[in-house]
Amino acid sequence: MQNKTFVAVAVGLGLVTLSACGSTDTASPKDSKDSKTVTVVSHDSWAVSKNVLTDFERQSGYKVRVLKDGDAGQAVNKAVLTKDNPQGDVFFGVDNTLLSRALDNGLFQPYETKGLDTVDAAYQLDAGKHRVTPVDHGDICVNYDKAYFGKHKLTPPQTFADLAEPAYKNLLVTENAATSSPGLGFLLGSAAQYGDTGWQGYWKKLKDNGVKVVDGWEQAYYQEFSGSSEGRKAGGDRPLVVSYASSPPAEVIYAKKRPSTAPTGVSNGTCFRQVEFAGLLSNAKNTKGGKAFIDFLVSKEFQEDMPLNMFVYPVVKGAAVPADFTKYGPAAAHPETMAPDKIAANRDQWVKAWTSLVLK
């Protein structure tokens, strides 16, 4: 969930590239007709431990091919465009901000996974129809550079309202809500906080307070944010960035020299809960293998493997989370949320209004 941006369908047609990875299978996508191969389409953040994937292949008898099809929304858009002749059997990575787009376009066929009774009911947003299965959750939140705030003896902001205060003028960088999944999530979080009409007044305050908007998460976090290891090297000068609650543990775990504490923190009052799903694609060539793979995604083995690979939380009750993950990136206690039908009814018009308000 650390790199998820998307582009409009029309742009996606011209820019989408496709890469293949997985076990040792390097056959072309058309070979998914082979009943012993399951082809999984996902975003670029897909990751799983080799031994965990090998266990599934050995136990199920299926080889797994993963097609990483760009950033999250880009992958969703392309999957919709190719639904009549899908590139795979399973799609993993559509989240609650874009779920209605996938469902309204008939991207998935129903399948009730065998492990559904172990999945927390709070994440079953398509309950009763079973077109998608919840796999993980995480929080989109503002991150802050601890060193900057310590040096300037300034208390880091903790709420949406704080970000509009003069003390934080010209400090925040966020992603474009029209081209970025975390950018859209942050917009939805503000709409949940301030209401259907109040969010526009809030964003006017953010604009007046010098918020900077860039296209996607990678640019915001790795180039503009002063708190990330890459951002420091790139000369990033924004000590506040819209990212994930799981970004601090990633900074610790991937550091060349492991620090005793995370160099970044999370403004817990700015979080929006993101839930990711997987589904059996309509017209999938290997439905039996696809169903087995979805069952695998909610297995305890896969769920406990996710945190340190994709930096997300499991949705299966009782699945253990590594101590490093909970120590440096605890989930928000009270994140903003929004019902999928409300997102579906308002997303496009809100993004259009946001674009007109903030970018013009």
Protein backbone atom coordinates (compact mmCIF):
# COMPACT_ATOMS: atom_id res chain seq x y z
CA MET A 1 0.00 0.00 0.00
CA GLN A 2 3.03 2.20 -0.13
CA ASN A 3 2.68 3.18 -3.80
CA LYS A 4 -0.82 3.40 -5.16
CA THR A 5 -1.78 6.04 -7.68
CA PHE A 6 -4.13 5.94 -10.60
CA VAL A 7 -4.91 7.63 -13.86
CA ALA A 8 -8.08 8.31 -15.76
CA VAL A 9 -9.29 5.55 -18.07
CA ALA A 10 -8.51 7.51 -21.21
CA VAL A 11 -4.95 8.16 -20.08
CA GLY A 12 -4.55 4.62 -18.83
CA LEU A 13 -5.19 3.26 -22.32
CA GLY A 14 -2.11 5.03 -23.58
CA LEU A 15 0.24 4.66 -20.63
CA VAL A 16 -0.36 1.28 -19.04
CA THR A 17 2.56 -1.12 -19.05
CA LEU A 18 2.48 -4.69 -17.85
CA SER A 19 5.13 -6.67 -16.05
CA ALA A 20 5.04 -10.28 -14.97
CA CYS A 21 6.46 -11.91 -11.89
CA GLY A 22 5.62 -14.77 -9.58
CA SER A 23 7.14 -18.16 -8.95
CA THR A 24 9.35 -19.58 -11.70
CA ASP A 25 6.70 -19.43 -14.41
CA THR A 26 7.61 -16.99 -17.18
CA ALA A 27 4.99 -17.97 -19.74
CA SER A 28 2.91 -15.31 -21.44
CA PRO A 29 -0.46 -14.17 -20.07
CA LYS A 30 -2.39 -16.13 -22.71
CA ASP A 31 -1.08 -19.32 -21.15
CA SER A 32 -3.48 -18.71 -18.24
CA LYS A 33 -5.74 -21.09 -20.18
CA ASP A 34 -3.59 -23.76 -18.56
CA SER A 35 -5.75 -25.08 -15.71
CA LYS A 36 -2.65 -25.54 -13.57
CA THR A 37 -1.78 -21.85 -13.64
CA VAL A 38 -3.55 -19.08 -11.71
CA THR A 39 -2.92 -15.59 -13.03
CA VAL A 40 -3.28 -12.79 -10.48
CA VAL A 41 -3.54 -9.17 -11.62
CA SER A 42 -2.48 -6.62 -9.02
CA HIS A 43 -0.85 -3.26 -8.39
CA ASP A 44 2.88 -2.69 -8.10
CA SER A 45 2.82 -3.03 -4.31
CA TRP A 46 1.96 -6.74 -4.38
CA ALA A 47 4.47 -8.76 -2.36
CA VAL A 48 4.51 -12.13 -0.61
CA SER A 49 7.29 -14.23 0.92
CA LYS A 50 8.59 -16.84 -1.47
CA ASN A 51 8.11 -19.70 0.98
CA VAL A 52 4.48 -18.71 1.62
CA LEU A 53 3.66 -18.66 -2.08
CA THR A 54 5.51 -21.95 -2.55
CA ASP A 55 3.37 -23.51 0.17
CA PHE A 56 0.21 -22.54 -1.72
CA GLU A 57 1.56 -23.92 -5.00
CA ARG A 58 2.60 -27.19 -3.38
CA GLN A 59 -0.65 -27.68 -1.48
CA SER A 60 -3.01 -26.59 -4.25
CA GLY A 61 -1.19 -27.93 -7.29
CA TYR A 62 -1.43 -24.53 -9.05
CA LYS A 63 1.42 -22.38 -10.25
CA VAL A 64 0.93 -18.66 -9.61
CA ARG A 65 1.72 -15.93 -12.11
CA VAL A 66 1.39 -12.33 -10.88
CA LEU A 67 0.92 -9.49 -13.36
CA LYS A 68 1.79 -6.16 -11.74
CA ASP A 69 -0.24 -3.68 -13.72
CA GLY A 70 0.88 -0.28 -12.43
CA ASP A 71 -0.52 1.69 -9.53
CA ALA A 72 -3.73 0.69 -7.80
CA GLY A 73 -6.32 2.77 -9.63
CA GLN A 74 -4.54 2.36 -12.94
CA ALA A 75 -4.74 -1.40 -12.50
CA VAL A 76 -8.46 -1.18 -11.65
CA ASN A 77 -9.18 0.97 -14.68
CA LYS A 78 -7.37 -1.39 -17.04
CA ALA A 79 -9.09 -4.41 -15.52
CA VAL A 80 -12.46 -2.75 -16.21
CA LEU A 81 -11.46 -2.03 -19.80
CA THR A 82 -10.38 -5.65 -20.37
CA LYS A 83 -13.14 -7.37 -18.38
CA ASP A 84 -14.54 -9.23 -21.42
CA ASN A 85 -11.13 -10.76 -22.06
CA PRO A 86 -9.36 -10.48 -18.70
CA GLN A 87 -5.62 -10.79 -18.37
CA GLY A 88 -5.96 -13.00 -15.34
CA ASP A 89 -8.22 -14.98 -13.06
CA VAL A 90 -8.03 -12.96 -9.82
CA PHE A 91 -7.67 -9.24 -9.22
CA PHE A 92 -6.09 -8.12 -5.95
CA GLY A 93 -5.87 -4.53 -4.77
CA VAL A 94 -9.13 -2.68 -5.40
CA ASP A 95 -9.85 -0.60 -2.29
CA ASN A 96 -12.96 0.95 -0.78
CA THR A 97 -12.35 4.30 -2.50
CA LEU A 98 -12.70 2.67 -5.94
CA LEU A 99 -14.76 -0.41 -5.11
CA SER A 100 -17.99 0.92 -6.59
CA ARG A 101 -16.27 1.62 -9.91
CA ALA A 102 -15.23 -2.01 -10.16
CA LEU A 103 -18.58 -3.40 -9.01
CA ASP A 104 -20.70 -1.11 -11.17
CA ASN A 105 -18.71 -2.20 -14.21
CA GLY A 106 -19.21 -5.91 -13.50
CA LEU A 107 -15.53 -6.61 -12.95
CA PHE A 108 -16.08 -9.59 -10.65
CA GLN A 109 -18.19 -12.73 -10.48
CA PRO A 110 -19.54 -13.87 -7.10
CA TYR A 111 -17.53 -16.26 -4.94
CA GLU A 112 -17.94 -16.81 -1.20
CA THR A 113 -14.52 -17.83 0.08
CA LYS A 114 -14.29 -20.76 2.44
CA GLY A 115 -12.54 -18.58 5.02
CA LEU A 116 -15.10 -15.78 5.10
CA ASP A 117 -16.26 -16.68 8.60
CA THR A 118 -12.79 -15.78 9.90
CA VAL A 119 -12.86 -12.29 8.34
CA ASP A 120 -13.91 -9.41 10.58
CA ALA A 121 -17.44 -8.37 9.56
CA ALA A 122 -16.44 -4.69 9.63
CA TYR A 123 -14.46 -5.19 6.41
CA GLN A 124 -17.08 -7.18 4.50
CA LEU A 125 -18.38 -4.23 2.48
CA ASP A 126 -19.99 -6.41 -0.19
CA ALA A 127 -21.65 -8.76 2.30
CA GLY A 128 -24.40 -10.91 0.84
CA LYS A 129 -23.21 -10.60 -2.77
CA HIS A 130 -19.63 -11.85 -2.28
CA ARG A 131 -18.25 -10.25 -5.42
CA VAL A 132 -15.10 -9.30 -3.53
CA THR A 133 -13.29 -10.66 -0.48
CA PRO A 134 -11.59 -8.37 2.08
CA VAL A 135 -7.87 -9.07 2.34
CA ASP A 136 -6.22 -6.25 4.28
CA HIS A 137 -6.69 -2.80 5.76
CA GLY A 138 -4.55 0.23 6.54
CA ASP A 139 -4.83 3.94 7.23
CA ILE A 140 -4.04 6.90 4.99
CA CYS A 141 -2.65 9.54 7.36
CA VAL A 142 -0.44 12.59 7.45
CA ASN A 143 3.15 11.68 8.40
CA TYR A 144 5.56 14.14 9.97
CA ASP A 145 9.34 14.55 10.09
CA LYS A 146 10.31 14.24 13.76
CA ALA A 147 13.69 15.92 13.26
CA TYR A 148 12.13 19.01 11.69
CA PHE A 149 9.58 19.52 14.45
CA GLY A 150 12.17 18.87 17.14
CA LYS A 151 14.59 21.35 15.61
CA HIS A 152 11.93 24.05 15.32
CA LYS A 153 10.43 23.24 18.75
CA LEU A 154 7.03 22.92 17.08
CA THR A 155 4.36 20.42 18.11
CA PRO A 156 3.39 18.21 15.14
CA PRO A 157 -0.22 18.62 13.97
CA GLN A 158 -2.57 15.88 15.07
CA THR A 159 -5.90 16.72 13.43
CA PHE A 160 -7.31 17.91 10.12
CA ALA A 161 -8.00 21.30 11.72
CA ASP A 162 -4.39 21.64 12.89
CA LEU A 163 -3.12 21.43 9.31
CA ALA A 164 -4.87 24.69 8.43
CA GLU A 165 -3.25 26.60 11.31
CA PRO A 166 -0.68 29.33 10.49
CA ALA A 167 2.03 27.43 12.39
CA TYR A 168 2.01 24.80 9.62
CA LYS A 169 1.95 27.14 6.63
CA ASN A 170 3.84 25.77 3.60
CA LEU A 171 4.70 22.52 5.40
CA LEU A 172 2.23 20.00 3.90
CA VAL A 173 2.49 18.11 0.62
CA THR A 174 -0.36 15.92 -0.55
CA GLU A 175 -1.20 13.93 -3.66
CA ASN A 176 -3.65 14.92 -6.37
CA ALA A 177 -7.05 13.46 -5.49
CA ALA A 178 -7.69 12.90 -9.20
CA THR A 179 -4.50 10.93 -9.81
CA SER A 180 -3.62 9.30 -6.50
CA SER A 181 -5.24 6.74 -4.22
CA PRO A 182 -3.87 8.27 -0.96
CA GLY A 183 -4.74 11.71 -2.32
CA LEU A 184 -8.31 10.57 -2.87
CA GLY A 185 -8.40 8.92 0.55
CA PHE A 186 -7.28 12.16 2.20
CA LEU A 187 -10.02 14.05 0.37
CA LEU A 188 -12.60 11.49 1.51
CA GLY A 189 -11.27 11.74 5.06
CA SER A 190 -11.78 15.50 5.03
CA ALA A 191 -15.30 15.05 3.63
CA ALA A 192 -16.07 12.58 6.42
CA GLN A 193 -14.71 15.05 8.96
CA TYR A 194 -16.38 18.23 7.66
CA GLY A 195 -19.44 16.97 5.81
CA ASP A 196 -20.64 17.06 2.22
CA THR A 197 -20.32 20.82 1.92
CA GLY A 198 -17.92 21.77 4.71
CA TRP A 199 -14.93 20.00 3.17
CA GLN A 200 -14.63 22.63 0.45
CA GLY A 201 -14.21 25.41 3.00
CA TYR A 202 -11.57 23.29 4.72
CA TRP A 203 -9.60 22.83 1.51
CA LYS A 204 -9.77 26.55 0.81
CA LYS A 205 -8.04 27.03 4.17
CA LEU A 206 -5.42 24.42 3.27
CA LYS A 207 -4.78 26.14 -0.04
CA ASP A 208 -4.42 29.49 1.68
CA ASN A 209 -2.05 27.81 4.12
CA GLY A 210 0.29 26.75 1.32
CA VAL A 211 -0.52 23.07 0.77
CA LYS A 212 1.50 21.66 -2.11
CA VAL A 213 -0.11 19.15 -4.49
CA VAL A 214 1.87 16.63 -6.58
CA ASP A 215 0.67 13.85 -8.85
CA GLY A 216 1.33 10.79 -6.74
CA TRP A 217 2.57 9.19 -3.53
CA GLU A 218 6.04 8.35 -4.79
CA GLN A 219 6.77 11.96 -5.71
CA ALA A 220 5.27 13.28 -2.48
CA TYR A 221 7.00 10.83 -0.17
CA TYR A 222 10.34 10.24 -1.88
CA GLN A 223 11.00 13.71 -3.31
CA GLU A 224 9.06 16.35 -1.37
CA PHE A 225 8.91 14.91 2.17
CA SER A 226 11.92 15.76 4.30
CA GLY A 227 11.33 12.86 6.69
CA SER A 228 11.85 9.90 4.34
CA SER A 229 15.35 8.59 3.69
CA GLU A 230 14.96 9.23 -0.05
CA GLY A 231 13.39 12.65 0.55
CA ARG A 232 16.34 13.77 2.64
CA LYS A 233 18.70 12.78 -0.16
CA ALA A 234 16.53 14.55 -2.74
CA GLY A 235 16.39 17.74 -0.71
CA GLY A 236 12.74 17.44 0.21
CA ASP A 237 11.62 20.42 2.25
CA ARG A 238 8.06 19.53 3.30
CA PRO A 239 7.98 18.00 6.81
CA LEU A 240 4.32 16.91 6.44
CA VAL A 241 3.09 14.43 3.84
CA VAL A 242 -0.06 12.44 3.16
CA SER A 243 1.07 8.82 3.37
CA TYR A 244 0.19 5.75 5.46
CA ALA A 245 0.23 4.85 9.14
CA SER A 246 2.51 2.00 8.10
CA SER A 247 5.18 4.27 6.61
CA PRO A 248 7.15 4.73 9.89
CA PRO A 249 7.82 0.98 10.33
CA ALA A 250 8.91 0.80 6.70
CA GLU A 251 11.45 3.57 7.41
CA VAL A 252 12.83 1.52 10.30
CA ILE A 253 12.82 -1.90 8.66
CA TYR A 254 14.41 -0.79 5.40
CA ALA A 255 17.01 1.52 6.94
CA LYS A 256 20.62 0.59 6.15
CA LYS A 257 21.43 1.15 9.81
CA ARG A 258 18.40 0.35 11.92
CA PRO A 259 17.40 3.28 14.17
CA SER A 260 16.08 2.78 17.68
CA THR A 261 13.00 4.85 16.86
CA ALA A 262 11.19 5.72 13.66
CA PRO A 263 12.32 9.03 12.11
CA THR A 264 8.74 9.81 11.19
CA GLY A 265 5.46 9.94 13.08
CA VAL A 266 1.75 9.82 12.30
CA SER A 267 -0.84 12.52 12.91
CA ASN A 268 -3.49 10.14 14.18
CA GLY A 269 -6.38 12.56 13.84
CA THR A 270 -5.94 12.79 10.05
CA CYS A 271 -6.48 9.14 9.13
CA PHE A 272 -8.87 7.52 6.67
CA ARG A 273 -9.39 3.73 6.78
CA GLN A 274 -8.55 1.93 3.54
CA VAL A 275 -9.67 -1.65 2.90
CA GLU A 276 -8.32 -3.77 0.04
CA PHE A 277 -10.19 -6.58 -1.68
CA ALA A 278 -9.63 -9.43 -4.10
CA GLY A 279 -12.16 -10.86 -6.52
CA LEU A 280 -12.62 -13.57 -9.13
CA LEU A 281 -12.62 -11.78 -12.46
CA SER A 282 -15.61 -12.08 -14.74
CA ASN A 283 -14.75 -14.38 -17.66
CA ALA A 284 -11.75 -15.78 -15.77
CA LYS A 285 -10.33 -18.79 -17.60
CA ASN A 286 -9.34 -20.69 -14.46
CA THR A 287 -12.18 -20.14 -11.99
CA LYS A 288 -11.32 -23.19 -9.89
CA GLY A 289 -7.74 -22.05 -9.42
CA GLY A 290 -8.88 -18.49 -8.84
CA LYS A 291 -11.18 -19.58 -6.05
CA ALA A 292 -8.36 -21.57 -4.43
CA PHE A 293 -6.13 -18.49 -4.54
CA ILE A 294 -8.76 -16.27 -2.92
CA ASP A 295 -9.10 -18.88 -0.17
CA PHE A 296 -5.32 -18.65 0.24
CA LEU A 297 -5.46 -14.85 0.64
CA VAL A 298 -7.56 -15.20 3.79
CA SER A 299 -5.53 -18.09 5.17
CA LYS A 300 -3.70 -17.40 8.40
CA GLU A 301 -0.34 -18.05 6.73
CA PHE A 302 -0.84 -15.35 4.10
CA GLN A 303 -2.51 -12.92 6.48
CA GLU A 304 0.40 -13.08 8.92
CA ASP A 305 2.90 -12.68 6.08
CA MET A 306 1.38 -9.42 4.75
CA PRO A 307 2.42 -6.80 7.33
CA LEU A 308 6.15 -6.85 6.60
CA ASN A 309 5.69 -7.33 2.85
CA MET A 310 2.91 -4.93 1.89
CA PHE A 311 2.78 -2.97 5.17
CA VAL A 312 -0.91 -3.53 5.76
CA TYR A 313 -2.96 -5.10 8.54
CA PRO A 314 -4.73 -8.47 8.26
CA VAL A 315 -8.53 -8.71 8.26
CA VAL A 316 -8.69 -12.25 9.61
CA LYS A 317 -9.53 -12.44 13.28
CA GLY A 318 -6.66 -13.73 15.40
CA ALA A 319 -3.95 -13.26 12.74
CA ALA A 320 -0.73 -12.19 14.46
CA VAL A 321 0.99 -8.93 13.54
CA PRO A 322 4.79 -8.65 13.96
CA ALA A 323 5.94 -6.62 16.95
CA ASP A 324 7.98 -4.24 14.77
CA PHE A 325 4.90 -3.39 12.79
CA THR A 326 2.71 -2.60 15.76
CA LYS A 327 5.52 -0.77 17.57
CA TYR A 328 6.28 1.69 14.78
CA GLY A 329 2.99 1.77 12.88
CA PRO A 330 -0.08 1.11 15.04
CA ALA A 331 -3.42 1.38 13.29
CA ALA A 332 -5.39 4.53 14.00
CA ALA A 333 -7.78 4.18 16.93
CA HIS A 334 -10.52 6.29 15.37
CA PRO A 335 -9.96 6.69 11.62
CA GLU A 336 -12.47 8.43 9.40
CA THR A 337 -14.57 6.05 7.33
CA MET A 338 -17.21 6.35 4.63
CA ALA A 339 -19.81 3.92 3.33
CA PRO A 340 -19.07 2.59 -0.18
CA ASP A 341 -22.44 3.78 -1.51
CA LYS A 342 -21.69 7.32 -0.34
CA ILE A 343 -18.27 7.20 -1.99
CA ALA A 344 -19.92 5.95 -5.18
CA ALA A 345 -22.52 8.73 -5.14
CA ASN A 346 -20.06 11.55 -4.51
CA ARG A 347 -16.53 10.57 -5.54
CA ASP A 348 -16.48 11.91 -9.09
CA GLN A 349 -18.22 15.19 -8.33
CA TRP A 350 -16.07 15.75 -5.24
CA VAL A 351 -12.88 15.15 -7.22
CA LYS A 352 -14.09 17.56 -9.90
CA ALA A 353 -14.92 20.22 -7.29
CA TRP A 354 -11.62 19.61 -5.49
CA THR A 355 -9.68 20.02 -8.75
CA SER A 356 -11.41 23.29 -9.52
CA LEU A 357 -10.91 24.59 -6.00
CA VAL A 358 -7.35 23.53 -5.26
CA LEU A 359 -5.56 23.30 -8.60
CA LYS A 360 -6.94 26.36 -10.39
